[in-house]
Protein backbone atom coordinates (compact mmCIF):
# COMPACT_ATOMS: atom_id res chain seq x y z
CA UNK A 1 -32.82 -32.49 -18.79
CA UNK A 2 -31.16 -30.61 -16.06
CA UNK A 3 -32.06 -27.01 -14.54
CA UNK A 4 -30.71 -24.19 -16.26
CA UNK A 5 -27.62 -23.54 -14.06
CA UNK A 6 -25.64 -21.58 -17.16
CA UNK A 7 -25.95 -18.31 -18.44
CA UNK A 8 -24.32 -16.72 -21.47
CA UNK A 9 -23.85 -13.24 -23.25
CA UNK A 10 -22.62 -12.75 -26.76
CA UNK A 11 -24.12 -16.53 -27.44
CA UNK A 12 -23.99 -14.60 -31.12
CA UNK A 13 -20.61 -13.57 -31.68
CA UNK A 14 -17.38 -15.73 -32.82
CA UNK A 15 -16.90 -17.20 -29.68
CA UNK A 16 -20.36 -17.59 -28.80
CA UNK A 17 -22.08 -19.15 -31.64
CA UNK A 18 -18.89 -22.19 -31.19
CA UNK A 19 -19.91 -22.54 -27.49
CA UNK A 20 -23.25 -22.29 -28.05
CA UNK A 21 -22.85 -25.96 -30.66
CA UNK A 22 -20.13 -27.57 -28.33
CA UNK A 23 -23.58 -26.73 -25.29
CA UNK A 24 -25.95 -27.73 -27.25
CA UNK A 25 -24.44 -30.93 -28.27
CA UNK A 26 -23.33 -32.08 -24.34
CA UNK A 27 -26.99 -31.79 -25.02
CA UNK A 28 -25.95 -28.99 -21.55
CA UNK A 29 -29.06 -26.22 -21.19
CA UNK A 30 -28.06 -22.53 -20.53
CA UNK A 31 -29.45 -19.17 -20.49
CA UNK A 32 -28.88 -17.01 -23.61
CA UNK A 33 -28.65 -13.00 -22.73
CA UNK A 34 -28.93 -11.47 -26.22
CA UNK A 35 -29.72 -7.47 -26.77
CA UNK A 36 -32.11 -8.09 -29.08
CA UNK A 37 -34.49 -10.84 -31.30
CA UNK A 38 -31.62 -10.51 -33.84
CA UNK A 39 -29.46 -12.64 -35.47
CA UNK A 40 -30.37 -15.74 -33.09
CA UNK A 41 -32.17 -18.17 -35.45
CA UNK A 42 -29.42 -20.58 -34.53
CA UNK A 43 -30.42 -20.07 -30.64
CA UNK A 44 -34.54 -20.76 -31.07
CA UNK A 45 -34.20 -23.49 -32.79
CA UNK A 46 -31.56 -24.93 -30.10
CA UNK A 47 -33.77 -26.98 -26.83
CA UNK A 48 -31.30 -26.31 -25.09
CA UNK A 49 -31.37 -22.80 -25.50
CA UNK A 50 -33.21 -20.39 -23.18
CA UNK A 51 -32.94 -17.15 -24.86
CA UNK A 52 -33.79 -13.96 -22.42
CA UNK A 53 -34.03 -10.40 -24.28
CA UNK A 54 -32.01 -8.04 -21.83
CA UNK A 55 -29.62 -4.81 -21.37
CA UNK A 56 -26.35 -4.91 -19.95
CA UNK A 57 -26.50 -0.92 -19.95
CA UNK A 58 -30.09 -1.47 -17.72
CA UNK A 59 -29.06 -3.05 -14.92
CA UNK A 60 -32.89 -3.64 -13.88
CA UNK A 61 -33.04 -5.98 -16.86
CA UNK A 62 -30.04 -8.40 -15.91
CA UNK A 63 -31.46 -9.37 -12.27
CA UNK A 64 -33.82 -11.35 -13.83
CA UNK A 65 -31.90 -12.97 -16.98
CA UNK A 66 -29.48 -14.03 -13.59
CA UNK A 67 -31.48 -14.98 -11.14
CA UNK A 68 -30.63 -18.91 -10.02
CA UNK A 69 -27.65 -19.24 -12.35
CA UNK A 70 -25.01 -20.64 -11.00
CA UNK A 71 -21.96 -19.92 -14.01
CA UNK A 72 -22.05 -16.93 -15.98
CA UNK A 73 -20.33 -15.91 -19.29
CA UNK A 74 -19.18 -12.98 -19.53
CA UNK A 75 -18.67 -11.16 -23.03
CA UNK A 76 -19.73 -8.12 -25.28
CA UNK A 77 -18.34 -6.37 -27.88
CA UNK A 78 -15.43 -4.30 -27.39
CA UNK A 79 -17.13 -0.54 -28.03
CA UNK A 80 -15.74 2.85 -25.66
CA UNK A 81 -19.10 1.11 -23.59
CA UNK A 82 -17.82 -1.92 -22.72
CA UNK A 83 -16.22 -1.21 -19.46
CA UNK A 84 -19.35 0.17 -17.89
CA UNK A 85 -21.53 -2.61 -19.26
CA UNK A 86 -19.48 -5.50 -18.38
CA UNK A 87 -19.06 -3.58 -14.38
CA UNK A 88 -23.19 -3.09 -14.48
CA UNK A 89 -23.14 -7.43 -15.29
CA UNK A 90 -20.60 -8.02 -12.51
CA UNK A 91 -22.61 -5.68 -10.32
CA UNK A 92 -26.02 -7.84 -11.39
CA UNK A 93 -24.43 -11.59 -10.87
CA UNK A 94 -22.99 -10.60 -7.54
CA UNK A 95 -26.74 -9.17 -6.29
CA UNK A 96 -28.49 -12.49 -8.17
CA UNK A 97 -26.00 -14.79 -6.55
CA UNK A 98 -24.13 -16.29 -9.25
CA UNK A 99 -20.90 -18.41 -7.44
CA UNK A 100 -18.28 -18.47 -10.51
CA UNK A 101 -18.23 -15.85 -13.31
CA UNK A 102 -16.33 -16.25 -16.04
CA UNK A 103 -14.75 -13.52 -18.41
CA UNK A 104 -13.42 -13.58 -21.78
CA UNK A 105 -11.09 -10.88 -21.55
CA UNK A 106 -7.98 -10.24 -23.68
CA UNK A 107 -3.67 -11.29 -24.00
CA UNK A 108 -1.77 -9.69 -21.97
CA UNK A 109 -4.90 -7.74 -19.77
CA UNK A 110 -2.90 -4.83 -18.02
CA UNK A 111 -4.29 -1.90 -16.37
CA UNK A 112 -1.91 0.14 -16.85
CA UNK A 113 -1.52 -0.99 -21.45
CA UNK A 114 -0.49 1.62 -23.97
CA UNK A 115 -3.67 -0.19 -25.39
CA UNK A 116 -6.60 0.91 -24.32
CA UNK A 117 -8.44 -3.28 -24.88
CA UNK A 118 -6.34 -4.28 -22.32
CA UNK A 119 -6.84 -2.07 -20.07
CA UNK A 120 -11.13 -2.46 -19.61
CA UNK A 121 -10.49 -5.93 -19.49
CA UNK A 122 -7.91 -5.21 -16.97
CA UNK A 123 -10.79 -2.74 -14.89
CA UNK A 124 -13.07 -5.40 -15.22
CA UNK A 125 -10.70 -7.92 -13.71
CA UNK A 126 -10.25 -6.22 -11.17
CA UNK A 127 -13.96 -5.60 -9.94
CA UNK A 128 -14.35 -9.43 -10.92
CA UNK A 129 -11.35 -9.91 -8.32
CA UNK A 130 -12.86 -7.13 -5.40
CA UNK A 131 -16.06 -8.25 -5.96
CA UNK A 132 -15.80 -11.84 -3.61
CA UNK A 133 -16.61 -14.53 -6.84
CA UNK A 134 -15.01 -17.08 -8.12
CA UNK A 135 -12.83 -16.33 -11.44
CA UNK A 136 -11.95 -17.18 -14.24
CA UNK A 137 -10.42 -14.89 -17.04
CA UNK A 138 -10.32 -16.25 -20.56
CA UNK A 139 -7.36 -14.24 -22.40
CA UNK A 140 -7.11 -15.14 -26.12
CA UNK A 141 -4.22 -13.96 -28.55
CA UNK A 142 -5.50 -12.01 -31.64
CA UNK A 143 -8.43 -14.77 -33.53
CA UNK A 144 -7.57 -16.07 -36.77
CA UNK A 145 -11.01 -15.50 -37.23
CA UNK A 146 -10.00 -11.90 -37.64
CA UNK A 147 -8.59 -12.96 -40.64
CA UNK A 148 -12.47 -13.07 -42.28
CA UNK A 149 -12.14 -9.37 -42.00
CA UNK A 150 -9.77 -9.60 -45.18
CA UNK A 151 -11.59 -12.08 -46.58
CA UNK A 152 -12.83 -10.32 -49.87
CA UNK A 153 -9.35 -8.22 -49.89
CA UNK A 154 -7.97 -12.62 -50.63
CA UNK A 155 -10.62 -13.41 -52.52
CA UNK A 156 -10.84 -10.21 -55.51
CA UNK A 157 -7.31 -9.39 -54.95
CA UNK A 158 -4.77 -12.40 -53.52
CA UNK A 159 -3.48 -9.52 -50.78
CA UNK A 160 -4.72 -8.41 -47.25
CA UNK A 161 -2.88 -5.66 -45.49
CA UNK A 162 -1.57 -4.93 -42.01
CA UNK A 163 1.09 -2.73 -39.77
CA UNK A 164 2.41 -5.43 -37.54
CA UNK A 165 5.78 -6.09 -39.41
CA UNK A 166 7.54 -9.59 -39.26
CA UNK A 167 6.24 -9.77 -35.66
CA UNK A 168 4.98 -13.30 -35.25
CA UNK A 169 1.79 -13.57 -33.33
CA UNK A 170 0.73 -16.76 -31.00
CA UNK A 171 -3.01 -16.66 -33.08
CA UNK A 172 -5.24 -18.73 -31.62
CA UNK A 173 -8.94 -20.75 -34.02
CA UNK A 174 -11.96 -18.74 -31.97
CA UNK A 175 -13.44 -22.95 -31.92
CA UNK A 176 -10.63 -23.33 -29.20
CA UNK A 177 -11.71 -20.43 -27.09
CA UNK A 178 -14.74 -22.00 -27.48
CA UNK A 179 -13.56 -25.58 -26.44
CA UNK A 180 -11.82 -23.90 -23.26
CA UNK A 181 -14.54 -21.78 -22.42
CA UNK A 182 -17.22 -25.16 -22.80
CA UNK A 183 -14.77 -26.64 -20.31
CA UNK A 184 -14.89 -23.64 -17.43
CA UNK A 185 -18.53 -24.08 -17.94
CA UNK A 186 -19.14 -27.30 -17.16
CA UNK A 187 -16.51 -28.77 -14.82
CA UNK A 188 -15.25 -27.94 -11.97
CA UNK A 189 -11.67 -27.09 -10.94
CA UNK A 190 -11.39 -23.86 -12.87
CA UNK A 191 -12.01 -20.91 -10.33
CA UNK A 192 -10.39 -18.30 -9.19
CA UNK A 193 -7.35 -19.18 -12.29
CA UNK A 194 -6.52 -16.62 -15.39
CA UNK A 195 -5.93 -19.03 -18.24
CA UNK A 196 -3.59 -17.52 -21.35
CA UNK A 197 -5.50 -19.32 -24.43
CA UNK A 198 -3.06 -19.28 -27.58
CA UNK A 199 -2.43 -21.20 -30.35
CA UNK A 200 0.40 -23.97 -31.28
CA UNK A 201 2.65 -22.06 -32.84
CA UNK A 202 3.62 -18.32 -33.09
CA UNK A 203 3.47 -16.86 -36.42
CA UNK A 204 4.00 -13.76 -38.55
CA UNK A 205 1.96 -13.04 -41.20
CA UNK A 206 4.17 -13.63 -44.09
CA UNK A 207 4.11 -17.34 -42.80
CA UNK A 208 0.41 -16.63 -42.72
CA UNK A 209 0.02 -16.11 -46.63
CA UNK A 210 2.62 -18.42 -47.55
CA UNK A 211 -0.74 -20.62 -45.47
CA UNK A 212 -3.27 -19.51 -46.90
CA UNK A 213 -1.35 -19.81 -50.74
CA UNK A 214 -0.77 -23.46 -50.60
CA UNK A 215 -4.56 -23.91 -49.48
CA UNK A 216 -5.84 -22.12 -51.60
CA UNK A 217 -3.58 -22.84 -54.71
CA UNK A 218 -3.02 -19.42 -55.78
CA UNK A 219 -0.64 -16.80 -54.99
CA UNK A 220 -1.53 -15.39 -51.69
CA UNK A 221 0.78 -11.71 -50.73
CA UNK A 222 0.23 -10.02 -47.26
CA UNK A 223 1.38 -6.17 -47.65
CA UNK A 224 2.73 -4.09 -44.53
CA UNK A 225 1.20 -1.18 -44.35
CA UNK A 226 1.47 2.19 -42.12
CA UNK A 227 0.16 2.57 -39.48
CA UNK A 228 -1.59 5.97 -41.19
CA UNK A 229 -3.26 4.13 -44.21
CA UNK A 230 -4.17 1.28 -41.57
CA UNK A 231 -5.46 4.03 -39.86
CA UNK A 232 -7.44 5.41 -43.02
CA UNK A 233 -8.85 1.69 -44.28
CA UNK A 234 -10.53 1.25 -41.05
CA UNK A 235 -11.87 4.40 -40.96
CA UNK A 236 -13.32 4.21 -44.86
CA UNK A 237 -14.49 0.53 -43.38
CA UNK A 238 -16.95 2.32 -40.90
CA UNK A 239 -14.84 2.02 -38.02
CA UNK A 240 -16.15 4.49 -34.80
CA UNK A 241 -13.62 6.58 -33.58
CA UNK A 242 -12.63 4.56 -30.27
CA UNK A 243 -12.78 1.42 -31.99
CA UNK A 244 -10.22 2.86 -34.35
CA UNK A 245 -7.38 4.14 -31.56
CA UNK A 246 -7.99 0.00 -30.09
CA UNK A 247 -7.56 -0.97 -33.34
CA UNK A 248 -4.22 0.82 -33.79
CA UNK A 249 -2.21 0.62 -30.90
CA UNK A 250 -3.52 -3.26 -31.03
CA UNK A 251 -1.58 -3.68 -33.73
CA UNK A 252 1.05 -1.59 -32.48
CA UNK A 253 1.25 -4.00 -29.25
CA UNK A 254 2.10 -6.91 -31.90
CA UNK A 255 4.24 -5.51 -33.99
CA UNK A 256 6.27 -4.74 -31.17
CA UNK A 257 6.16 -8.99 -31.08
CA UNK A 258 4.72 -8.74 -27.26
CA UNK A 259 2.15 -10.99 -27.98
CA UNK A 260 4.45 -14.62 -29.59
CA UNK A 261 3.87 -16.21 -26.41
CA UNK A 262 2.64 -19.95 -26.41
CA UNK A 263 0.77 -21.64 -24.07
CA UNK A 264 -0.55 -24.74 -24.01
CA UNK A 265 -3.50 -23.57 -22.45
CA UNK A 266 -5.70 -25.64 -24.98
CA UNK A 267 -4.26 -28.79 -24.58
CA UNK A 268 -3.34 -28.98 -21.08
CA UNK A 269 -7.82 -27.42 -20.40
CA UNK A 270 -9.51 -29.61 -22.89
CA UNK A 271 -6.55 -32.36 -23.90
CA UNK A 272 -7.31 -31.36 -26.94
CA UNK A 273 -4.42 -29.85 -29.60
CA UNK A 274 -5.20 -26.33 -30.80
CA UNK A 275 -6.06 -25.93 -34.53
CA UNK A 276 -2.60 -24.56 -36.60
CA UNK A 277 -3.35 -21.70 -38.95
CA UNK A 278 -3.29 -24.15 -42.22
CA UNK A 279 -6.53 -26.50 -40.35
CA UNK A 280 -8.39 -22.31 -39.87
CA UNK A 281 -8.19 -22.18 -44.03
CA UNK A 282 -8.74 -25.02 -44.30
CA UNK A 283 -12.01 -25.45 -42.40
CA UNK A 284 -12.79 -21.89 -44.01
CA UNK A 285 -11.46 -22.35 -46.86
CA UNK A 286 -14.84 -21.20 -48.97
CA UNK A 287 -14.88 -18.18 -47.45
CA UNK A 288 -11.21 -17.26 -49.24
CA UNK A 289 -12.22 -18.38 -52.27
């Protein structure tokens, strides 16, 4: 096995787990930076994975983790601390001599956006550009797997809810995001590029309900709710205040029709057609029944 030259942060999350599986299947060694030893059973089972405990809040733990690394994948949860943590990682990557930083950003990232998630992603992107590091920014649209948060409602009530109206969204499967990330991490030629990552179609939440009904073989309804109703549901579900505000801003962005554009990035980078929403539901059917 060749020397480890790739480091992943966020390796235990939605996209990270799929990326880990792809690298392992290709027998490519990688280093995984994790905050603690929880939820790392998959990583511990893979001979290709070297697990490093580190904290993005403490740059001194990042420098040893990044030593000797050529390509680093930057991903954190979207919390009120995300921007600071990611900037710490960028600074450490620069100091450690990382050659190429791949950041998982978000579709429509912009420092002037009314959406806090899009603002912080853009600020980190701009810091990376200013650092002089080679970069690739992956900007995926709404994750199809985000619907799994509503799986209990779909399973028990045959309904799911959002404040999004009839807006179409070019949602994308996280497995396709990971496929693009894997290519960028294992091939040359992706330096200093921004990749908008979407599915192959823009669909409404009502059309998502129709696809769920078709695959599950029972009636599934989407219920459009007001932002105030969505806010109450998010609070009741225990989301932190910063994330409640961010999700409301995110869905207002979707409702304005600002996330409907379709890009061919998945096909262009991976030579594979992105998964349809119906394919996603079929593959995750057991979680909705």
